[in-house]
PDB file of N, CA and C in Angstrom:
ATOM      1  N   MET A   1     -15.541   0.107 -12.203  1.00  0.00           N
ATOM      2  CA  MET A   1     -14.172  -0.245 -12.494  1.00  0.00           C
ATOM      3  C   MET A   1     -14.149  -1.023 -13.808  1.00  0.00           C
ATOM      4  N   ASN A   2     -13.272  -0.619 -14.710  1.00  0.00           N
ATOM      5  CA  ASN A   2     -13.178  -1.330 -15.975  1.00  0.00           C
ATOM      6  C   ASN A   2     -12.229  -2.518 -15.860  1.00  0.00           C
ATOM      7  N   ILE A   3     -12.150  -3.311 -16.886  1.00  0.00           N
ATOM      8  CA  ILE A   3     -11.352  -4.541 -16.887  1.00  0.00           C
ATOM      9  C   ILE A   3      -9.867  -4.243 -16.650  1.00  0.00           C
ATOM     10  N   ASN A   4      -9.345  -3.216 -17.303  1.00  0.00           N
ATOM     11  CA  ASN A   4      -7.924  -2.886 -17.148  1.00  0.00           C
ATOM     12  C   ASN A   4      -7.593  -2.494 -15.718  1.00  0.00           C
ATOM     13  N   GLN A   5      -8.442  -1.682 -15.106  1.00  0.00           N
ATOM     14  CA  GLN A   5      -8.215  -1.267 -13.733  1.00  0.00           C
ATOM     15  C   GLN A   5      -8.338  -2.465 -12.781  1.00  0.00           C
ATOM     16  N   ALA A   6      -9.304  -3.325 -13.045  1.00  0.00           N
ATOM     17  CA  ALA A   6      -9.473  -4.525 -12.213  1.00  0.00           C
ATOM     18  C   ALA A   6      -8.243  -5.422 -12.303  1.00  0.00           C
ATOM     19  N   GLU A   7      -7.716  -5.581 -13.507  1.00  0.00           N
ATOM     20  CA  GLU A   7      -6.514  -6.402 -13.682  1.00  0.00           C
ATOM     21  C   GLU A   7      -5.327  -5.809 -12.938  1.00  0.00           C
ATOM     22  N   LYS A   8      -5.146  -4.498 -13.044  1.00  0.00           N
ATOM     23  CA  LYS A   8      -4.046  -3.819 -12.361  1.00  0.00           C
ATOM     24  C   LYS A   8      -4.168  -3.970 -10.840  1.00  0.00           C
ATOM     25  N   THR A   9      -5.377  -3.836 -10.331  1.00  0.00           N
ATOM     26  CA  THR A   9      -5.613  -3.972  -8.892  1.00  0.00           C
ATOM     27  C   THR A   9      -5.332  -5.391  -8.430  1.00  0.00           C
ATOM     28  N   LEU A  10      -5.838  -6.369  -9.160  1.00  0.00           N
ATOM     29  CA  LEU A  10      -5.635  -7.769  -8.763  1.00  0.00           C
ATOM     30  C   LEU A  10      -4.170  -8.177  -8.839  1.00  0.00           C
ATOM     31  N   LYS A  11      -3.446  -7.701  -9.839  1.00  0.00           N
ATOM     32  CA  LYS A  11      -2.011  -7.987  -9.936  1.00  0.00           C
ATOM     33  C   LYS A  11      -1.253  -7.365  -8.763  1.00  0.00           C
ATOM     34  N   ALA A  12      -1.643  -6.164  -8.390  1.00  0.00           N
ATOM     35  CA  ALA A  12      -0.986  -5.503  -7.261  1.00  0.00           C
ATOM     36  C   ALA A  12      -1.251  -6.244  -5.959  1.00  0.00           C
ATOM     37  N   LEU A  13      -2.436  -6.831  -5.831  1.00  0.00           N
ATOM     38  CA  LEU A  13      -2.786  -7.558  -4.610  1.00  0.00           C
ATOM     39  C   LEU A  13      -2.194  -8.970  -4.573  1.00  0.00           C
ATOM     40  N   ALA A  14      -1.689  -9.447  -5.689  1.00  0.00           N
ATOM     41  CA  ALA A  14      -1.192 -10.820  -5.779  1.00  0.00           C
ATOM     42  C   ALA A  14       0.246 -10.931  -5.293  1.00  0.00           C
ATOM     43  N   ASN A  15       0.533 -10.354  -4.143  1.00  0.00           N
ATOM     44  CA  ASN A  15       1.872 -10.393  -3.571  1.00  0.00           C
ATOM     45  C   ASN A  15       1.756 -10.327  -2.051  1.00  0.00           C
ATOM     46  N   ARG A  16       2.411 -11.255  -1.384  1.00  0.00           N
ATOM     47  CA  ARG A  16       2.320 -11.346   0.083  1.00  0.00           C
ATOM     48  C   ARG A  16       2.816 -10.070   0.778  1.00  0.00           C
ATOM     49  N   ARG A  17       3.890  -9.496   0.297  1.00  0.00           N
ATOM     50  CA  ARG A  17       4.435  -8.290   0.954  1.00  0.00           C
ATOM     51  C   ARG A  17       3.517  -7.092   0.773  1.00  0.00           C
ATOM     52  N   ARG A  18       2.924  -6.974  -0.401  1.00  0.00           N
ATOM     53  CA  ARG A  18       1.985  -5.866  -0.608  1.00  0.00           C
ATOM     54  C   ARG A  18       0.730  -6.058   0.231  1.00  0.00           C
ATOM     55  N   LEU A  19       0.297  -7.304   0.393  1.00  0.00           N
ATOM     56  CA  LEU A  19      -0.842  -7.564   1.282  1.00  0.00           C
ATOM     57  C   LEU A  19      -0.500  -7.213   2.729  1.00  0.00           C
ATOM     58  N   LYS A  20       0.742  -7.450   3.125  1.00  0.00           N
ATOM     59  CA  LYS A  20       1.156  -7.080   4.485  1.00  0.00           C
ATOM     60  C   LYS A  20       1.174  -5.562   4.659  1.00  0.00           C
ATOM     61  N   ILE A  21       1.540  -4.842   3.609  1.00  0.00           N
ATOM     62  CA  ILE A  21       1.489  -3.374   3.656  1.00  0.00           C
ATOM     63  C   ILE A  21       0.047  -2.922   3.846  1.00  0.00           C
ATOM     64  N   ILE A  22      -0.867  -3.523   3.084  1.00  0.00           N
ATOM     65  CA  ILE A  22      -2.283  -3.174   3.197  1.00  0.00           C
ATOM     66  C   ILE A  22      -2.803  -3.485   4.595  1.00  0.00           C
ATOM     67  N   GLU A  23      -2.423  -4.631   5.121  1.00  0.00           N
ATOM     68  CA  GLU A  23      -2.843  -5.009   6.470  1.00  0.00           C
ATOM     69  C   GLU A  23      -2.317  -4.006   7.498  1.00  0.00           C
ATOM     70  N   TYR A  24      -1.054  -3.609   7.354  1.00  0.00           N
ATOM     71  CA  TYR A  24      -0.444  -2.663   8.294  1.00  0.00           C
ATOM     72  C   TYR A  24      -1.127  -1.295   8.240  1.00  0.00           C
ATOM     73  N   LEU A  25      -1.521  -0.879   7.051  1.00  0.00           N
ATOM     74  CA  LEU A  25      -2.152   0.438   6.892  1.00  0.00           C
ATOM     75  C   LEU A  25      -3.655   0.425   7.204  1.00  0.00           C
ATOM     76  N   GLY A  26      -4.183  -0.725   7.539  1.00  0.00           N
ATOM     77  CA  GLY A  26      -5.612  -0.842   7.833  1.00  0.00           C
ATOM     78  C   GLY A  26      -6.039   0.026   9.001  1.00  0.00           C
ATOM     79  N   GLY A  27      -7.302   0.365   9.021  1.00  0.00           N
ATOM     80  CA  GLY A  27      -7.849   1.170  10.110  1.00  0.00           C
ATOM     81  C   GLY A  27      -7.493   2.639  10.036  1.00  0.00           C
ATOM     82  N   GLY A  28      -7.156   3.108   8.852  1.00  0.00           N
ATOM     83  CA  GLY A  28      -6.875   4.530   8.687  1.00  0.00           C
ATOM     84  C   GLY A  28      -5.474   4.942   9.091  1.00  0.00           C
ATOM     85  N   LYS A  29      -4.578   3.999   9.300  1.00  0.00           N
ATOM     86  CA  LYS A  29      -3.216   4.291   9.721  1.00  0.00           C
ATOM     87  C   LYS A  29      -2.410   4.861   8.560  1.00  0.00           C
ATOM     88  N   LYS A  30      -1.485   5.761   8.880  1.00  0.00           N
ATOM     89  CA  LYS A  30      -0.543   6.299   7.901  1.00  0.00           C
ATOM     90  C   LYS A  30       0.852   5.889   8.346  1.00  0.00           C
ATOM     91  N   ALA A  31       1.722   5.593   7.381  1.00  0.00           N
ATOM     92  CA  ALA A  31       3.076   5.166   7.717  1.00  0.00           C
ATOM     93  C   ALA A  31       4.050   5.629   6.648  1.00  0.00           C
ATOM     94  N   SER A  32       5.271   5.896   7.077  1.00  0.00           N
ATOM     95  CA  SER A  32       6.328   6.273   6.147  1.00  0.00           C
ATOM     96  C   SER A  32       6.963   5.015   5.570  1.00  0.00           C
ATOM     97  N   VAL A  33       7.757   5.194   4.527  1.00  0.00           N
ATOM     98  CA  VAL A  33       8.449   4.063   3.913  1.00  0.00           C
ATOM     99  C   VAL A  33       9.366   3.401   4.939  1.00  0.00           C
ATOM    100  N   SER A  34      10.055   4.198   5.732  1.00  0.00           N
ATOM    101  CA  SER A  34      10.964   3.654   6.749  1.00  0.00           C
ATOM    102  C   SER A  34      10.221   2.801   7.762  1.00  0.00           C
ATOM    103  N   GLU A  35       9.080   3.281   8.219  1.00  0.00           N
ATOM    104  CA  GLU A  35       8.277   2.539   9.187  1.00  0.00           C
ATOM    105  C   GLU A  35       7.800   1.215   8.594  1.00  0.00           C
ATOM    106  N   LEU A  36       7.312   1.262   7.359  1.00  0.00           N
ATOM    107  CA  LEU A  36       6.846   0.051   6.692  1.00  0.00           C
ATOM    108  C   LEU A  36       7.999  -0.920   6.445  1.00  0.00           C
ATOM    109  N   ALA A  37       9.149  -0.411   6.019  1.00  0.00           N
ATOM    110  CA  ALA A  37      10.313  -1.265   5.764  1.00  0.00           C
ATOM    111  C   ALA A  37      10.745  -1.972   7.049  1.00  0.00           C
ATOM    112  N   GLY A  38      10.728  -1.259   8.162  1.00  0.00           N
ATOM    113  CA  GLY A  38      11.088  -1.868   9.438  1.00  0.00           C
ATOM    114  C   GLY A  38      10.104  -2.944   9.849  1.00  0.00           C
ATOM    115  N   HIS A  39       8.837  -2.675   9.666  1.00  0.00           N
ATOM    116  CA  HIS A  39       7.803  -3.641  10.040  1.00  0.00           C
ATOM    117  C   HIS A  39       7.880  -4.903   9.176  1.00  0.00           C
ATOM    118  N   LEU A  40       8.122  -4.724   7.880  1.00  0.00           N
ATOM    119  CA  LEU A  40       8.159  -5.846   6.948  1.00  0.00           C
ATOM    120  C   LEU A  40       9.523  -6.528   6.871  1.00  0.00           C
ATOM    121  N   LYS A  41      10.523  -5.900   7.486  1.00  0.00           N
ATOM    122  CA  LYS A  41      11.904  -6.388   7.421  1.00  0.00           C
ATOM    123  C   LYS A  41      12.393  -6.465   5.972  1.00  0.00           C
ATOM    124  N   LEU A  42      12.112  -5.392   5.236  1.00  0.00           N
ATOM    125  CA  LEU A  42      12.546  -5.237   3.854  1.00  0.00           C
ATOM    126  C   LEU A  42      13.450  -4.017   3.746  1.00  0.00           C
ATOM    127  N   SER A  43      14.177  -3.923   2.661  1.00  0.00           N
ATOM    128  CA  SER A  43      14.974  -2.727   2.427  1.00  0.00           C
ATOM    129  C   SER A  43      14.060  -1.547   2.085  1.00  0.00           C
ATOM    130  N   PHE A  44      14.594  -0.361   2.261  1.00  0.00           N
ATOM    131  CA  PHE A  44      13.865   0.856   1.917  1.00  0.00           C
ATOM    132  C   PHE A  44      13.495   0.831   0.433  1.00  0.00           C
ATOM    133  N   LYS A  45      14.461   0.437  -0.413  1.00  0.00           N
ATOM    134  CA  LYS A  45      14.257   0.410  -1.857  1.00  0.00           C
ATOM    135  C   LYS A  45      13.160  -0.582  -2.256  1.00  0.00           C
ATOM    136  N   SER A  46      13.191  -1.762  -1.695  1.00  0.00           N
ATOM    137  CA  SER A  46      12.182  -2.780  -2.005  1.00  0.00           C
ATOM    138  C   SER A  46      10.799  -2.334  -1.557  1.00  0.00           C
ATOM    139  N   THR A  47      10.720  -1.754  -0.363  1.00  0.00           N
ATOM    140  CA  THR A  47       9.440  -1.261   0.156  1.00  0.00           C
ATOM    141  C   THR A  47       8.899  -0.149  -0.736  1.00  0.00           C
ATOM    142  N   SER A  48       9.770   0.737  -1.176  1.00  0.00           N
ATOM    143  CA  SER A  48       9.354   1.820  -2.074  1.00  0.00           C
ATOM    144  C   SER A  48       8.795   1.283  -3.377  1.00  0.00           C
ATOM    145  N   LYS A  49       9.407   0.224  -3.910  1.00  0.00           N
ATOM    146  CA  LYS A  49       8.912  -0.371  -5.154  1.00  0.00           C
ATOM    147  C   LYS A  49       7.524  -0.979  -4.963  1.00  0.00           C
ATOM    148  N   HIS A  50       7.321  -1.661  -3.837  1.00  0.00           N
ATOM    149  CA  HIS A  50       5.997  -2.231  -3.560  1.00  0.00           C
ATOM    150  C   HIS A  50       4.954  -1.118  -3.415  1.00  0.00           C
ATOM    151  N   LEU A  51       5.322  -0.040  -2.742  1.00  0.00           N
ATOM    152  CA  LEU A  51       4.399   1.083  -2.566  1.00  0.00           C
ATOM    153  C   LEU A  51       4.076   1.748  -3.906  1.00  0.00           C
ATOM    154  N   LEU A  52       5.044   1.819  -4.787  1.00  0.00           N
ATOM    155  CA  LEU A  52       4.802   2.393  -6.113  1.00  0.00           C
ATOM    156  C   LEU A  52       3.778   1.562  -6.886  1.00  0.00           C
ATOM    157  N   ILE A  53       3.895   0.252  -6.808  1.00  0.00           N
ATOM    158  CA  ILE A  53       2.932  -0.637  -7.471  1.00  0.00           C
ATOM    159  C   ILE A  53       1.537  -0.429  -6.887  1.00  0.00           C
ATOM    160  N   LEU A  54       1.452  -0.360  -5.561  1.00  0.00           N
ATOM    161  CA  LEU A  54       0.158  -0.132  -4.907  1.00  0.00           C
ATOM    162  C   LEU A  54      -0.403   1.246  -5.251  1.00  0.00           C
ATOM    163  N   ARG A  55       0.460   2.206  -5.352  1.00  0.00           N
ATOM    164  CA  ARG A  55       0.021   3.572  -5.684  1.00  0.00           C
ATOM    165  C   ARG A  55      -0.474   3.654  -7.133  1.00  0.00           C
ATOM    166  N   ASN A  56       0.229   2.994  -8.041  1.00  0.00           N
ATOM    167  CA  ASN A  56      -0.183   2.988  -9.454  1.00  0.00           C
ATOM    168  C   ASN A  56      -1.511   2.267  -9.652  1.00  0.00           C
ATOM    169  N   ALA A  57      -1.835   1.357  -8.737  1.00  0.00           N
ATOM    170  CA  ALA A  57      -3.116   0.635  -8.809  1.00  0.00           C
ATOM    171  C   ALA A  57      -4.197   1.354  -8.002  1.00  0.00           C
ATOM    172  N   ASP A  58      -3.905   2.542  -7.528  1.00  0.00           N
ATOM    173  CA  ASP A  58      -4.842   3.350  -6.729  1.00  0.00           C
ATOM    174  C   ASP A  58      -5.290   2.634  -5.456  1.00  0.00           C
ATOM    175  N   ILE A  59      -4.388   1.862  -4.860  1.00  0.00           N
ATOM    176  CA  ILE A  59      -4.688   1.164  -3.612  1.00  0.00           C
ATOM    177  C   ILE A  59      -4.228   1.993  -2.422  1.00  0.00           C
ATOM    178  N   VAL A  60      -3.102   2.670  -2.582  1.00  0.00           N
ATOM    179  CA  VAL A  60      -2.633   3.581  -1.537  1.00  0.00           C
ATOM    180  C   VAL A  60      -2.444   4.963  -2.137  1.00  0.00           C
ATOM    181  N   GLU A  61      -2.485   5.937  -1.285  1.00  0.00           N
ATOM    182  CA  GLU A  61      -2.181   7.317  -1.645  1.00  0.00           C
ATOM    183  C   GLU A  61      -1.106   7.791  -0.681  1.00  0.00           C
ATOM    184  N   SER A  62      -0.536   8.937  -0.961  1.00  0.00           N
ATOM    185  CA  SER A  62       0.506   9.451  -0.073  1.00  0.00           C
ATOM    186  C   SER A  62       0.364  10.950   0.101  1.00  0.00           C
ATOM    187  N   GLU A  63       0.975  11.407   1.178  1.00  0.00           N
ATOM    188  CA  GLU A  63       1.046  12.850   1.408  1.00  0.00           C
ATOM    189  C   GLU A  63       2.422  13.177   1.966  1.00  0.00           C
ATOM    190  N   GLN A  64       2.925  14.320   1.548  1.00  0.00           N
ATOM    191  CA  GLN A  64       4.237  14.778   1.974  1.00  0.00           C
ATOM    192  C   GLN A  64       4.081  15.621   3.229  1.00  0.00           C
ATOM    193  N   VAL A  65       4.838  15.275   4.276  1.00  0.00           N
ATOM    194  CA  VAL A  65       4.872  16.061   5.507  1.00  0.00           C
ATOM    195  C   VAL A  65       6.339  16.335   5.799  1.00  0.00           C
ATOM    196  N   SER A  66       6.740  17.585   5.604  1.00  0.00           N
ATOM    197  CA  SER A  66       8.131  17.971   5.751  1.00  0.00           C
ATOM    198  C   SER A  66       8.969  17.138   4.781  1.00  0.00           C
ATOM    199  N   LEU A  67       9.930  16.365   5.270  1.00  0.00           N
ATOM    200  CA  LEU A  67      10.771  15.553   4.393  1.00  0.00           C
ATOM    201  C   LEU A  67      10.255  14.133   4.212  1.00  0.00           C
ATOM    202  N   ALA A  68       9.259  13.750   4.970  1.00  0.00           N
ATOM    203  CA  ALA A  68       8.745  12.376   4.913  1.00  0.00           C
ATOM    204  C   ALA A  68       7.483  12.283   4.067  1.00  0.00           C
ATOM    205  N   ARG A  69       7.307  11.138   3.445  1.00  0.00           N
ATOM    206  CA  ARG A  69       6.088  10.850   2.689  1.00  0.00           C
ATOM    207  C   ARG A  69       5.363   9.745   3.432  1.00  0.00           C
ATOM    208  N   PHE A  70       4.088   9.978   3.735  1.00  0.00           N
ATOM    209  CA  PHE A  70       3.280   9.015   4.468  1.00  0.00           C
ATOM    210  C   PHE A  70       2.248   8.403   3.542  1.00  0.00           C
ATOM    211  N   TYR A  71       2.106   7.083   3.645  1.00  0.00           N
ATOM    212  CA  TYR A  71       1.183   6.326   2.799  1.00  0.00           C
ATOM    213  C   TYR A  71      -0.019   5.875   3.603  1.00  0.00           C
ATOM    214  N   TYR A  72      -1.160   5.794   2.932  1.00  0.00           N
ATOM    215  CA  TYR A  72      -2.401   5.347   3.557  1.00  0.00           C
ATOM    216  C   TYR A  72      -3.290   4.723   2.496  1.00  0.00           C
ATOM    217  N   LEU A  73      -4.239   3.905   2.944  1.00  0.00           N
ATOM    218  CA  LEU A  73      -5.147   3.232   2.014  1.00  0.00           C
ATOM    219  C   LEU A  73      -6.147   4.198   1.424  1.00  0.00           C
ATOM    220  N   THR A  74      -6.516   3.930   0.172  1.00  0.00           N
ATOM    221  CA  THR A  74      -7.601   4.688  -0.432  1.00  0.00           C
ATOM    222  C   THR A  74      -8.915   4.167   0.135  1.00  0.00           C
ATOM    223  N   ARG A  75      -9.929   4.934   0.087  1.00  0.00           N
ATOM    224  CA  ARG A  75     -11.223   4.562   0.686  1.00  0.00           C
ATOM    225  C   ARG A  75     -11.835   3.285   0.130  1.00  0.00           C
ATOM    226  N   PRO A  76     -11.894   3.106  -1.189  1.00  0.00           N
ATOM    227  CA  PRO A  76     -12.598   1.930  -1.710  1.00  0.00           C
ATOM    228  C   PRO A  76     -12.007   0.596  -1.277  1.00  0.00           C
ATOM    229  N   LEU A  77     -10.731   0.555  -0.903  1.00  0.00           N
ATOM    230  CA  LEU A  77     -10.095  -0.714  -0.583  1.00  0.00           C
ATOM    231  C   LEU A  77     -10.266  -1.128   0.871  1.00  0.00           C
ATOM    232  N   LYS A  78     -10.684  -0.234   1.725  1.00  0.00           N
ATOM    233  CA  LYS A  78     -10.785  -0.556   3.151  1.00  0.00           C
ATOM    234  C   LYS A  78     -11.693  -1.742   3.434  1.00  0.00           C
ATOM    235  N   PHE A  79     -12.697  -1.985   2.595  1.00  0.00           N
ATOM    236  CA  PHE A  79     -13.593  -3.112   2.836  1.00  0.00           C
ATOM    237  C   PHE A  79     -12.864  -4.448   2.754  1.00  0.00           C
ATOM    238  N   LEU A  80     -11.746  -4.528   2.032  1.00  0.00           N
ATOM    239  CA  LEU A  80     -11.014  -5.784   1.933  1.00  0.00           C
ATOM    240  C   LEU A  80     -10.396  -6.199   3.263  1.00  0.00           C
ATOM    241  N   LEU A  81     -10.110  -5.246   4.122  1.00  0.00           N
ATOM    242  CA  LEU A  81      -9.469  -5.568   5.396  1.00  0.00           C
ATOM    243  C   LEU A  81     -10.330  -6.444   6.271  1.00  0.00           C
ATOM    244  N   ASN A  82     -11.628  -6.418   6.091  1.00  0.00           N
ATOM    245  CA  ASN A  82     -12.509  -7.257   6.881  1.00  0.00           C
ATOM    246  C   ASN A  82     -12.295  -8.742   6.579  1.00  0.00           C
ATOM    247  N   ASN A  83     -11.647  -9.038   5.447  1.00  0.00           N
ATOM    248  CA  ASN A  83     -11.417 -10.430   5.065  1.00  0.00           C
ATOM    249  C   ASN A  83     -10.053 -10.953   5.455  1.00  0.00           C
ATOM    250  N   PHE A  84      -9.232 -10.147   6.084  1.00  0.00           N
ATOM    251  CA  PHE A  84      -7.913 -10.600   6.534  1.00  0.00           C
ATOM    252  C   PHE A  84      -8.031 -11.402   7.795  1.00  0.00           C
TER     253      PHE A  84
END
């Protein structure tokens, strides 16, 4: 990982709500924006913005299933969950 990627990752992790998203997705779980918004008690729009930041930092990935998009953790980040 280069310095720029490390900075982007650390900035993305420096937010309580994004850390809660990571915690919720731990253990290989997949969740839609609606499910995450309900769990975090955030608006759909706010949750989507947090997911975009995590996605741009390669922390989460997504897959489209019918009309829903499901988010999940990328493999390299799963080791961080052991520290929660």
